[in-house]
Amino acid sequence: MSEKPSTSLSGLISIKGSAAAATPAKAELVKVAPAPLLKPLPEKSQPKGGQSYWKAMTVKLNRDQYVDLKIHGVKLNKSSQDCISEAIDMWLAAQGAE
């Protein structure tokens, strides 16, 4: 085998033991602004009754309900969470709940 690397790879390959150590590049210090503080939820999104948390719940939908929810959510520019929450509020109002 030849001791000389091919000309097409001459800049990429060196003979074993003859490679120079890589020198790390000096890192530039960059000033970064601190991350903004979390903003409070808009008044509309605040839970009722003075609650300061949300309670997670799993909702199971059949395929047609799921597809319709997603399609109408996109058309109205609302998330599934917003659509379901609005529907629950309307249902509770119809039941006479406060």
PDB file of N, CA and C in Angstrom:
ATOM      1  N   MET A   1       0.829  -1.171   0.000  1.00  0.00           N
ATOM      2  CA  MET A   1       0.000   0.000   0.000  1.00  0.00           C
ATOM      3  C   MET A   1       0.877   1.237   0.000  1.00  0.00           C
ATOM      4  N   SER A   2       0.421   2.256  -0.634  1.00  0.00           N
ATOM      5  CA  SER A   2       1.204   3.476  -0.786  1.00  0.00           C
ATOM      6  C   SER A   2       1.152   4.325   0.475  1.00  0.00           C
ATOM      7  N   GLU A   3       2.244   5.021   0.802  1.00  0.00           N
ATOM      8  CA  GLU A   3       2.324   5.928   1.945  1.00  0.00           C
ATOM      9  C   GLU A   3       1.727   7.282   1.601  1.00  0.00           C
ATOM     10  N   LYS A   4       1.502   7.544   0.349  1.00  0.00           N
ATOM     11  CA  LYS A   4       1.038   8.848  -0.099  1.00  0.00           C
ATOM     12  C   LYS A   4      -0.467   8.784  -0.365  1.00  0.00           C
ATOM     13  N   PRO A   5      -1.260   9.686   0.272  1.00  0.00           N
ATOM     14  CA  PRO A   5      -2.693   9.679   0.002  1.00  0.00           C
ATOM     15  C   PRO A   5      -2.992  10.129  -1.417  1.00  0.00           C
ATOM     16  N   SER A   6      -4.157   9.735  -1.919  1.00  0.00           N
ATOM     17  CA  SER A   6      -4.509  10.136  -3.277  1.00  0.00           C
ATOM     18  C   SER A   6      -4.690  11.645  -3.325  1.00  0.00           C
ATOM     19  N   THR A   7      -4.544  12.219  -4.494  1.00  0.00           N
ATOM     20  CA  THR A   7      -4.594  13.670  -4.639  1.00  0.00           C
ATOM     21  C   THR A   7      -5.995  14.217  -4.379  1.00  0.00           C
ATOM     22  N   SER A   8      -7.049  13.457  -4.648  1.00  0.00           N
ATOM     23  CA  SER A   8      -8.401  13.972  -4.436  1.00  0.00           C
ATOM     24  C   SER A   8      -8.745  14.068  -2.950  1.00  0.00           C
ATOM     25  N   LEU A   9      -8.056  13.305  -2.111  1.00  0.00           N
ATOM     26  CA  LEU A   9      -8.319  13.319  -0.679  1.00  0.00           C
ATOM     27  C   LEU A   9      -7.146  13.897   0.108  1.00  0.00           C
ATOM     28  N   SER A  10      -6.229  14.540  -0.542  1.00  0.00           N
ATOM     29  CA  SER A  10      -4.994  14.958   0.108  1.00  0.00           C
ATOM     30  C   SER A  10      -5.237  15.922   1.272  1.00  0.00           C
ATOM     31  N   GLY A  11      -6.280  16.723   1.226  1.00  0.00           N
ATOM     32  CA  GLY A  11      -6.536  17.635   2.328  1.00  0.00           C
ATOM     33  C   GLY A  11      -7.309  16.995   3.459  1.00  0.00           C
ATOM     34  N   LEU A  12      -7.859  15.801   3.240  1.00  0.00           N
ATOM     35  CA  LEU A  12      -8.698  15.165   4.241  1.00  0.00           C
ATOM     36  C   LEU A  12      -8.010  14.035   4.984  1.00  0.00           C
ATOM     37  N   ILE A  13      -7.046  13.404   4.356  1.00  0.00           N
ATOM     38  CA  ILE A  13      -6.405  12.230   4.933  1.00  0.00           C
ATOM     39  C   ILE A  13      -4.919  12.506   5.113  1.00  0.00           C
ATOM     40  N   SER A  14      -4.395  12.104   6.256  1.00  0.00           N
ATOM     41  CA  SER A  14      -2.953  12.227   6.466  1.00  0.00           C
ATOM     42  C   SER A  14      -2.411  10.880   6.917  1.00  0.00           C
ATOM     43  N   ILE A  15      -1.119  10.736   6.837  1.00  0.00           N
ATOM     44  CA  ILE A  15      -0.471   9.486   7.230  1.00  0.00           C
ATOM     45  C   ILE A  15      -0.564   9.352   8.739  1.00  0.00           C
ATOM     46  N   LYS A  16      -0.797   8.148   9.192  1.00  0.00           N
ATOM     47  CA  LYS A  16      -0.978   7.875  10.618  1.00  0.00           C
ATOM     48  C   LYS A  16       0.180   8.459  11.420  1.00  0.00           C
ATOM     49  N   GLY A  17      -0.157   9.223  12.462  1.00  0.00           N
ATOM     50  CA  GLY A  17       0.863   9.800  13.334  1.00  0.00           C
ATOM     51  C   GLY A  17       1.338  11.164  12.892  1.00  0.00           C
ATOM     52  N   SER A  18       0.974  11.613  11.698  1.00  0.00           N
ATOM     53  CA  SER A  18       1.479  12.902  11.236  1.00  0.00           C
ATOM     54  C   SER A  18       0.436  14.013  11.310  1.00  0.00           C
ATOM     55  N   ALA A  19      -0.774  13.706  11.763  1.00  0.00           N
ATOM     56  CA  ALA A  19      -1.827  14.722  11.837  1.00  0.00           C
ATOM     57  C   ALA A  19      -1.534  15.686  12.976  1.00  0.00           C
ATOM     58  N   ALA A  20      -1.804  16.958  12.750  1.00  0.00           N
ATOM     59  CA  ALA A  20      -1.618  17.984  13.784  1.00  0.00           C
ATOM     60  C   ALA A  20      -2.856  18.014  14.680  1.00  0.00           C
ATOM     61  N   ALA A  21      -2.642  18.366  15.936  1.00  0.00           N
ATOM     62  CA  ALA A  21      -3.753  18.457  16.876  1.00  0.00           C
ATOM     63  C   ALA A  21      -4.648  19.634  16.483  1.00  0.00           C
ATOM     64  N   ALA A  22      -5.926  19.427  16.619  1.00  0.00           N
ATOM     65  CA  ALA A  22      -6.872  20.501  16.306  1.00  0.00           C
ATOM     66  C   ALA A  22      -6.847  21.536  17.412  1.00  0.00           C
ATOM     67  N   THR A  23      -6.901  22.789  17.033  1.00  0.00           N
ATOM     68  CA  THR A  23      -6.944  23.846  18.039  1.00  0.00           C
ATOM     69  C   THR A  23      -8.369  24.391  18.097  1.00  0.00           C
ATOM     70  N   PRO A  24      -8.925  24.446  19.304  1.00  0.00           N
ATOM     71  CA  PRO A  24     -10.304  24.939  19.398  1.00  0.00           C
ATOM     72  C   PRO A  24     -10.378  26.428  19.090  1.00  0.00           C
ATOM     73  N   ALA A  25     -11.444  26.819  18.424  1.00  0.00           N
ATOM     74  CA  ALA A  25     -11.647  28.226  18.106  1.00  0.00           C
ATOM     75  C   ALA A  25     -12.072  28.952  19.369  1.00  0.00           C
ATOM     76  N   LYS A  26     -11.685  30.213  19.487  1.00  0.00           N
ATOM     77  CA  LYS A  26     -12.078  30.990  20.649  1.00  0.00           C
ATOM     78  C   LYS A  26     -13.555  31.336  20.534  1.00  0.00           C
ATOM     79  N   ALA A  27     -14.268  31.089  21.618  1.00  0.00           N
ATOM     80  CA  ALA A  27     -15.698  31.377  21.627  1.00  0.00           C
ATOM     81  C   ALA A  27     -15.909  32.858  21.890  1.00  0.00           C
ATOM     82  N   GLU A  28     -16.827  33.443  21.143  1.00  0.00           N
ATOM     83  CA  GLU A  28     -17.177  34.841  21.364  1.00  0.00           C
ATOM     84  C   GLU A  28     -18.266  34.908  22.424  1.00  0.00           C
ATOM     85  N   LEU A  29     -18.113  35.829  23.354  1.00  0.00           N
ATOM     86  CA  LEU A  29     -19.143  36.027  24.355  1.00  0.00           C
ATOM     87  C   LEU A  29     -20.216  36.928  23.762  1.00  0.00           C
ATOM     88  N   VAL A  30     -21.433  36.471  23.858  1.00  0.00           N
ATOM     89  CA  VAL A  30     -22.560  37.218  23.312  1.00  0.00           C
ATOM     90  C   VAL A  30     -23.506  37.526  24.464  1.00  0.00           C
ATOM     91  N   LYS A  31     -23.878  38.785  24.582  1.00  0.00           N
ATOM     92  CA  LYS A  31     -24.832  39.145  25.627  1.00  0.00           C
ATOM     93  C   LYS A  31     -26.228  38.775  25.157  1.00  0.00           C
ATOM     94  N   VAL A  32     -26.939  38.081  26.029  1.00  0.00           N
ATOM     95  CA  VAL A  32     -28.287  37.632  25.712  1.00  0.00           C
ATOM     96  C   VAL A  32     -29.237  38.264  26.716  1.00  0.00           C
ATOM     97  N   ALA A  33     -30.325  38.793  26.204  1.00  0.00           N
ATOM     98  CA  ALA A  33     -31.323  39.384  27.093  1.00  0.00           C
ATOM     99  C   ALA A  33     -31.989  38.282  27.902  1.00  0.00           C
ATOM    100  N   PRO A  34     -32.350  38.556  29.153  1.00  0.00           N
ATOM    101  CA  PRO A  34     -33.026  37.528  29.945  1.00  0.00           C
ATOM    102  C   PRO A  34     -34.378  37.186  29.345  1.00  0.00           C
ATOM    103  N   ALA A  35     -34.807  35.978  29.585  1.00  0.00           N
ATOM    104  CA  ALA A  35     -36.098  35.527  29.062  1.00  0.00           C
ATOM    105  C   ALA A  35     -37.207  36.348  29.701  1.00  0.00           C
ATOM    106  N   PRO A  36     -38.244  36.665  28.923  1.00  0.00           N
ATOM    107  CA  PRO A  36     -39.328  37.447  29.499  1.00  0.00           C
ATOM    108  C   PRO A  36     -40.076  36.626  30.548  1.00  0.00           C
ATOM    109  N   LEU A  37     -40.597  37.319  31.538  1.00  0.00           N
ATOM    110  CA  LEU A  37     -41.380  36.641  32.563  1.00  0.00           C
ATOM    111  C   LEU A  37     -42.702  36.191  31.969  1.00  0.00           C
ATOM    112  N   LEU A  38     -43.229  35.124  32.516  1.00  0.00           N
ATOM    113  CA  LEU A  38     -44.515  34.638  32.042  1.00  0.00           C
ATOM    114  C   LEU A  38     -45.586  35.672  32.323  1.00  0.00           C
ATOM    115  N   LYS A  39     -46.418  35.915  31.340  1.00  0.00           N
ATOM    116  CA  LYS A  39     -47.500  36.872  31.508  1.00  0.00           C
ATOM    117  C   LYS A  39     -48.703  36.156  32.108  1.00  0.00           C
ATOM    118  N   PRO A  40     -49.495  36.850  32.911  1.00  0.00           N
ATOM    119  CA  PRO A  40     -50.707  36.206  33.429  1.00  0.00           C
ATOM    120  C   PRO A  40     -51.663  35.895  32.285  1.00  0.00           C
ATOM    121  N   LEU A  41     -52.501  34.910  32.503  1.00  0.00           N
ATOM    122  CA  LEU A  41     -53.468  34.544  31.482  1.00  0.00           C
ATOM    123  C   LEU A  41     -54.422  35.701  31.244  1.00  0.00           C
ATOM    124  N   PRO A  42     -54.910  35.861  30.015  1.00  0.00           N
ATOM    125  CA  PRO A  42     -55.898  36.894  29.766  1.00  0.00           C
ATOM    126  C   PRO A  42     -57.127  36.655  30.645  1.00  0.00           C
ATOM    127  N   GLU A  43     -57.875  37.720  30.931  1.00  0.00           N
ATOM    128  CA  GLU A  43     -59.027  37.627  31.818  1.00  0.00           C
ATOM    129  C   GLU A  43     -59.991  36.537  31.368  1.00  0.00           C
ATOM    130  N   LYS A  44     -60.208  36.415  30.058  1.00  0.00           N
ATOM    131  CA  LYS A  44     -61.122  35.406  29.510  1.00  0.00           C
ATOM    132  C   LYS A  44     -60.686  33.993  29.890  1.00  0.00           C
ATOM    133  N   SER A  45     -59.374  33.766  29.977  1.00  0.00           N
ATOM    134  CA  SER A  45     -58.864  32.423  30.222  1.00  0.00           C
ATOM    135  C   SER A  45     -58.695  32.108  31.702  1.00  0.00           C
ATOM    136  N   GLN A  46     -58.916  33.084  32.590  1.00  0.00           N
ATOM    137  CA  GLN A  46     -58.766  32.822  34.016  1.00  0.00           C
ATOM    138  C   GLN A  46     -59.866  31.873  34.479  1.00  0.00           C
ATOM    139  N   PRO A  47     -59.527  30.853  35.250  1.00  0.00           N
ATOM    140  CA  PRO A  47     -60.552  29.956  35.772  1.00  0.00           C
ATOM    141  C   PRO A  47     -61.521  30.720  36.669  1.00  0.00           C
ATOM    142  N   LYS A  48     -62.766  30.303  36.663  1.00  0.00           N
ATOM    143  CA  LYS A  48     -63.786  30.958  37.476  1.00  0.00           C
ATOM    144  C   LYS A  48     -63.628  30.564  38.935  1.00  0.00           C
ATOM    145  N   GLY A  49     -64.251  31.349  39.813  1.00  0.00           N
ATOM    146  CA  GLY A  49     -64.254  31.011  41.229  1.00  0.00           C
ATOM    147  C   GLY A  49     -62.942  31.289  41.926  1.00  0.00           C
ATOM    148  N   GLY A  50     -62.079  32.109  41.343  1.00  0.00           N
ATOM    149  CA  GLY A  50     -60.825  32.455  41.991  1.00  0.00           C
ATOM    150  C   GLY A  50     -59.799  31.340  41.979  1.00  0.00           C
ATOM    151  N   GLN A  51     -60.028  30.300  41.208  1.00  0.00           N
ATOM    152  CA  GLN A  51     -59.065  29.202  41.135  1.00  0.00           C
ATOM    153  C   GLN A  51     -57.808  29.681  40.422  1.00  0.00           C
ATOM    154  N   SER A  52     -56.686  29.197  40.849  1.00  0.00           N
ATOM    155  CA  SER A  52     -55.436  29.577  40.198  1.00  0.00           C
ATOM    156  C   SER A  52     -54.810  28.390  39.468  1.00  0.00           C
ATOM    157  N   TYR A  53     -55.589  27.383  39.181  1.00  0.00           N
ATOM    158  CA  TYR A  53     -55.047  26.216  38.483  1.00  0.00           C
ATOM    159  C   TYR A  53     -56.093  25.660  37.532  1.00  0.00           C
ATOM    160  N   TRP A  54     -55.627  24.805  36.661  1.00  0.00           N
ATOM    161  CA  TRP A  54     -56.498  24.076  35.739  1.00  0.00           C
ATOM    162  C   TRP A  54     -56.497  22.629  36.161  1.00  0.00           C
ATOM    163  N   LYS A  55     -57.592  21.961  36.010  1.00  0.00           N
ATOM    164  CA  LYS A  55     -57.675  20.529  36.300  1.00  0.00           C
ATOM    165  C   LYS A  55     -57.687  19.791  34.976  1.00  0.00           C
ATOM    166  N   ALA A  56     -56.779  18.857  34.810  1.00  0.00           N
ATOM    167  CA  ALA A  56     -56.691  18.083  33.570  1.00  0.00           C
ATOM    168  C   ALA A  56     -57.756  16.991  33.557  1.00  0.00           C
ATOM    169  N   MET A  57     -58.279  16.715  32.367  1.00  0.00           N
ATOM    170  CA  MET A  57     -59.305  15.694  32.221  1.00  0.00           C
ATOM    171  C   MET A  57     -59.157  15.065  30.838  1.00  0.00           C
ATOM    172  N   THR A  58     -59.378  13.790  30.748  1.00  0.00           N
ATOM    173  CA  THR A  58     -59.342  13.094  29.472  1.00  0.00           C
ATOM    174  C   THR A  58     -60.752  13.025  28.911  1.00  0.00           C
ATOM    175  N   VAL A  59     -60.891  13.372  27.637  1.00  0.00           N
ATOM    176  CA  VAL A  59     -62.189  13.292  26.970  1.00  0.00           C
ATOM    177  C   VAL A  59     -62.039  12.331  25.804  1.00  0.00           C
ATOM    178  N   LYS A  60     -62.916  11.356  25.740  1.00  0.00           N
ATOM    179  CA  LYS A  60     -62.885  10.399  24.636  1.00  0.00           C
ATOM    180  C   LYS A  60     -63.973  10.768  23.637  1.00  0.00           C
ATOM    181  N   LEU A  61     -63.577  10.945  22.390  1.00  0.00           N
ATOM    182  CA  LEU A  61     -64.494  11.300  21.317  1.00  0.00           C
ATOM    183  C   LEU A  61     -64.499  10.195  20.277  1.00  0.00           C
ATOM    184  N   ASN A  62     -65.644  10.032  19.615  1.00  0.00           N
ATOM    185  CA  ASN A  62     -65.625   9.096  18.492  1.00  0.00           C
ATOM    186  C   ASN A  62     -64.965   9.808  17.308  1.00  0.00           C
ATOM    187  N   ARG A  63     -64.682   9.086  16.260  1.00  0.00           N
ATOM    188  CA  ARG A  63     -63.934   9.647  15.132  1.00  0.00           C
ATOM    189  C   ARG A  63     -64.632  10.850  14.521  1.00  0.00           C
ATOM    190  N   ASP A  64     -65.940  10.769  14.330  1.00  0.00           N
ATOM    191  CA  ASP A  64     -66.671  11.881  13.711  1.00  0.00           C
ATOM    192  C   ASP A  64     -66.611  13.134  14.585  1.00  0.00           C
ATOM    193  N   GLN A  65     -66.780  12.975  15.889  1.00  0.00           N
ATOM    194  CA  GLN A  65     -66.692  14.125  16.789  1.00  0.00           C
ATOM    195  C   GLN A  65     -65.308  14.752  16.730  1.00  0.00           C
ATOM    196  N   TYR A  66     -64.288  13.909  16.735  1.00  0.00           N
ATOM    197  CA  TYR A  66     -62.912  14.395  16.702  1.00  0.00           C
ATOM    198  C   TYR A  66     -62.638  15.181  15.416  1.00  0.00           C
ATOM    199  N   VAL A  67     -63.008  14.611  14.286  1.00  0.00           N
ATOM    200  CA  VAL A  67     -62.760  15.270  12.994  1.00  0.00           C
ATOM    201  C   VAL A  67     -63.522  16.585  12.912  1.00  0.00           C
ATOM    202  N   ASP A  68     -64.814  16.579  13.321  1.00  0.00           N
ATOM    203  CA  ASP A  68     -65.610  17.799  13.286  1.00  0.00           C
ATOM    204  C   ASP A  68     -65.023  18.870  14.210  1.00  0.00           C
ATOM    205  N   LEU A  69     -64.585  18.474  15.396  1.00  0.00           N
ATOM    206  CA  LEU A  69     -63.983  19.417  16.332  1.00  0.00           C
ATOM    207  C   LEU A  69     -62.745  20.060  15.735  1.00  0.00           C
ATOM    208  N   LYS A  70     -61.891  19.249  15.130  1.00  0.00           N
ATOM    209  CA  LYS A  70     -60.664  19.780  14.530  1.00  0.00           C
ATOM    210  C   LYS A  70     -60.967  20.704  13.348  1.00  0.00           C
ATOM    211  N   ILE A  71     -61.885  20.306  12.483  1.00  0.00           N
ATOM    212  CA  ILE A  71     -62.220  21.120  11.305  1.00  0.00           C
ATOM    213  C   ILE A  71     -62.795  22.467  11.737  1.00  0.00           C
ATOM    214  N   HIS A  72     -63.770  22.443  12.651  1.00  0.00           N
ATOM    215  CA  HIS A  72     -64.392  23.693  13.079  1.00  0.00           C
ATOM    216  C   HIS A  72     -63.421  24.545  13.903  1.00  0.00           C
ATOM    217  N   GLY A  73     -62.556  23.904  14.665  1.00  0.00           N
ATOM    218  CA  GLY A  73     -61.539  24.644  15.412  1.00  0.00           C
ATOM    219  C   GLY A  73     -60.616  25.411  14.485  1.00  0.00           C
ATOM    220  N   VAL A  74     -60.222  24.779  13.385  1.00  0.00           N
ATOM    221  CA  VAL A  74     -59.359  25.454  12.414  1.00  0.00           C
ATOM    222  C   VAL A  74     -60.111  26.598  11.743  1.00  0.00           C
ATOM    223  N   LYS A  75     -61.356  26.354  11.362  1.00  0.00           N
ATOM    224  CA  LYS A  75     -62.160  27.399  10.709  1.00  0.00           C
ATOM    225  C   LYS A  75     -62.356  28.605  11.614  1.00  0.00           C
ATOM    226  N   LEU A  76     -62.523  28.357  12.925  1.00  0.00           N
ATOM    227  CA  LEU A  76     -62.772  29.439  13.876  1.00  0.00           C
ATOM    228  C   LEU A  76     -61.496  29.948  14.547  1.00  0.00           C
ATOM    229  N   ASN A  77     -60.369  29.356  14.172  1.00  0.00           N
ATOM    230  CA  ASN A  77     -59.075  29.706  14.761  1.00  0.00           C
ATOM    231  C   ASN A  77     -59.100  29.521  16.289  1.00  0.00           C
ATOM    232  N   LYS A  78     -59.653  28.398  16.729  1.00  0.00           N
ATOM    233  CA  LYS A  78     -59.726  28.073  18.156  1.00  0.00           C
ATOM    234  C   LYS A  78     -59.105  26.708  18.389  1.00  0.00           C
ATOM    235  N   SER A  79     -58.509  26.549  19.553  1.00  0.00           N
ATOM    236  CA  SER A  79     -57.957  25.244  19.906  1.00  0.00           C
ATOM    237  C   SER A  79     -59.091  24.316  20.339  1.00  0.00           C
ATOM    238  N   SER A  80     -58.821  23.033  20.352  1.00  0.00           N
ATOM    239  CA  SER A  80     -59.801  22.064  20.834  1.00  0.00           C
ATOM    240  C   SER A  80     -60.161  22.370  22.281  1.00  0.00           C
ATOM    241  N   GLN A  81     -59.167  22.758  23.078  1.00  0.00           N
ATOM    242  CA  GLN A  81     -59.395  23.126  24.472  1.00  0.00           C
ATOM    243  C   GLN A  81     -60.414  24.258  24.562  1.00  0.00           C
ATOM    244  N   ASP A  82     -60.243  25.303  23.742  1.00  0.00           N
ATOM    245  CA  ASP A  82     -61.164  26.439  23.769  1.00  0.00           C
ATOM    246  C   ASP A  82     -62.576  26.020  23.357  1.00  0.00           C
ATOM    247  N   CYS A  83     -62.679  25.198  22.322  1.00  0.00           N
ATOM    248  CA  CYS A  83     -63.996  24.751  21.847  1.00  0.00           C
ATOM    249  C   CYS A  83     -64.708  23.917  22.907  1.00  0.00           C
ATOM    250  N   ILE A  84     -63.997  22.978  23.513  1.00  0.00           N
ATOM    251  CA  ILE A  84     -64.603  22.111  24.525  1.00  0.00           C
ATOM    252  C   ILE A  84     -64.976  22.927  25.756  1.00  0.00           C
ATOM    253  N   SER A  85     -64.108  23.827  26.170  1.00  0.00           N
ATOM    254  CA  SER A  85     -64.383  24.655  27.339  1.00  0.00           C
ATOM    255  C   SER A  85     -65.612  25.532  27.112  1.00  0.00           C
ATOM    256  N   GLU A  86     -65.720  26.113  25.916  1.00  0.00           N
ATOM    257  CA  GLU A  86     -66.886  26.937  25.578  1.00  0.00           C
ATOM    258  C   GLU A  86     -68.170  26.100  25.584  1.00  0.00           C
ATOM    259  N   ALA A  87     -68.096  24.893  25.048  1.00  0.00           N
ATOM    260  CA  ALA A  87     -69.268  24.008  25.018  1.00  0.00           C
ATOM    261  C   ALA A  87     -69.695  23.623  26.436  1.00  0.00           C
ATOM    262  N   ILE A  88     -68.731  23.365  27.304  1.00  0.00           N
ATOM    263  CA  ILE A  88     -69.056  23.020  28.695  1.00  0.00           C
ATOM    264  C   ILE A  88     -69.707  24.214  29.389  1.00  0.00           C
ATOM    265  N   ASP A  89     -69.157  25.427  29.161  1.00  0.00           N
ATOM    266  CA  ASP A  89     -69.752  26.630  29.757  1.00  0.00           C
ATOM    267  C   ASP A  89     -71.195  26.812  29.298  1.00  0.00           C
ATOM    268  N   MET A  90     -71.450  26.585  28.006  1.00  0.00           N
ATOM    269  CA  MET A  90     -72.808  26.731  27.480  1.00  0.00           C
ATOM    270  C   MET A  90     -73.733  25.682  28.094  1.00  0.00           C
ATOM    271  N   TRP A  91     -73.263  24.460  28.219  1.00  0.00           N
ATOM    272  CA  TRP A  91     -74.074  23.384  28.798  1.00  0.00           C
ATOM    273  C   TRP A  91     -74.385  23.677  30.271  1.00  0.00           C
ATOM    274  N   LEU A  92     -73.362  24.127  31.007  1.00  0.00           N
ATOM    275  CA  LEU A  92     -73.576  24.440  32.416  1.00  0.00           C
ATOM    276  C   LEU A  92     -74.564  25.599  32.588  1.00  0.00           C
ATOM    277  N   ALA A  93     -74.491  26.600  31.710  1.00  0.00           N
ATOM    278  CA  ALA A  93     -75.418  27.724  31.764  1.00  0.00           C
ATOM    279  C   ALA A  93     -76.844  27.236  31.505  1.00  0.00           C
ATOM    280  N   ALA A  94     -77.004  26.310  30.564  1.00  0.00           N
ATOM    281  CA  ALA A  94     -78.323  25.767  30.250  1.00  0.00           C
ATOM    282  C   ALA A  94     -78.873  24.945  31.426  1.00  0.00           C
ATOM    283  N   GLN A  95     -77.975  24.406  32.254  1.00  0.00           N
ATOM    284  CA  GLN A  95     -78.405  23.619  33.404  1.00  0.00           C
ATOM    285  C   GLN A  95     -78.704  24.506  34.610  1.00  0.00           C
ATOM    286  N   GLY A  96     -78.408  25.792  34.470  1.00  0.00           N
ATOM    287  CA  GLY A  96     -78.638  26.714  35.568  1.00  0.00           C
ATOM    288  C   GLY A  96     -77.500  26.771  36.557  1.00  0.00           C
ATOM    289  N   ALA A  97     -76.346  26.237  36.175  1.00  0.00           N
ATOM    290  CA  ALA A  97     -75.170  26.280  37.051  1.00  0.00           C
ATOM    291  C   ALA A  97     -74.567  27.672  37.029  1.00  0.00           C
ATOM    292  N   GLU A  98     -73.951  28.064  38.140  1.00  0.00           N
ATOM    293  CA  GLU A  98     -73.320  29.385  38.211  1.00  0.00           C
ATOM    294  C   GLU A  98     -71.921  29.348  37.686  1.00  0.00           C
TER     295      GLU A  98
END
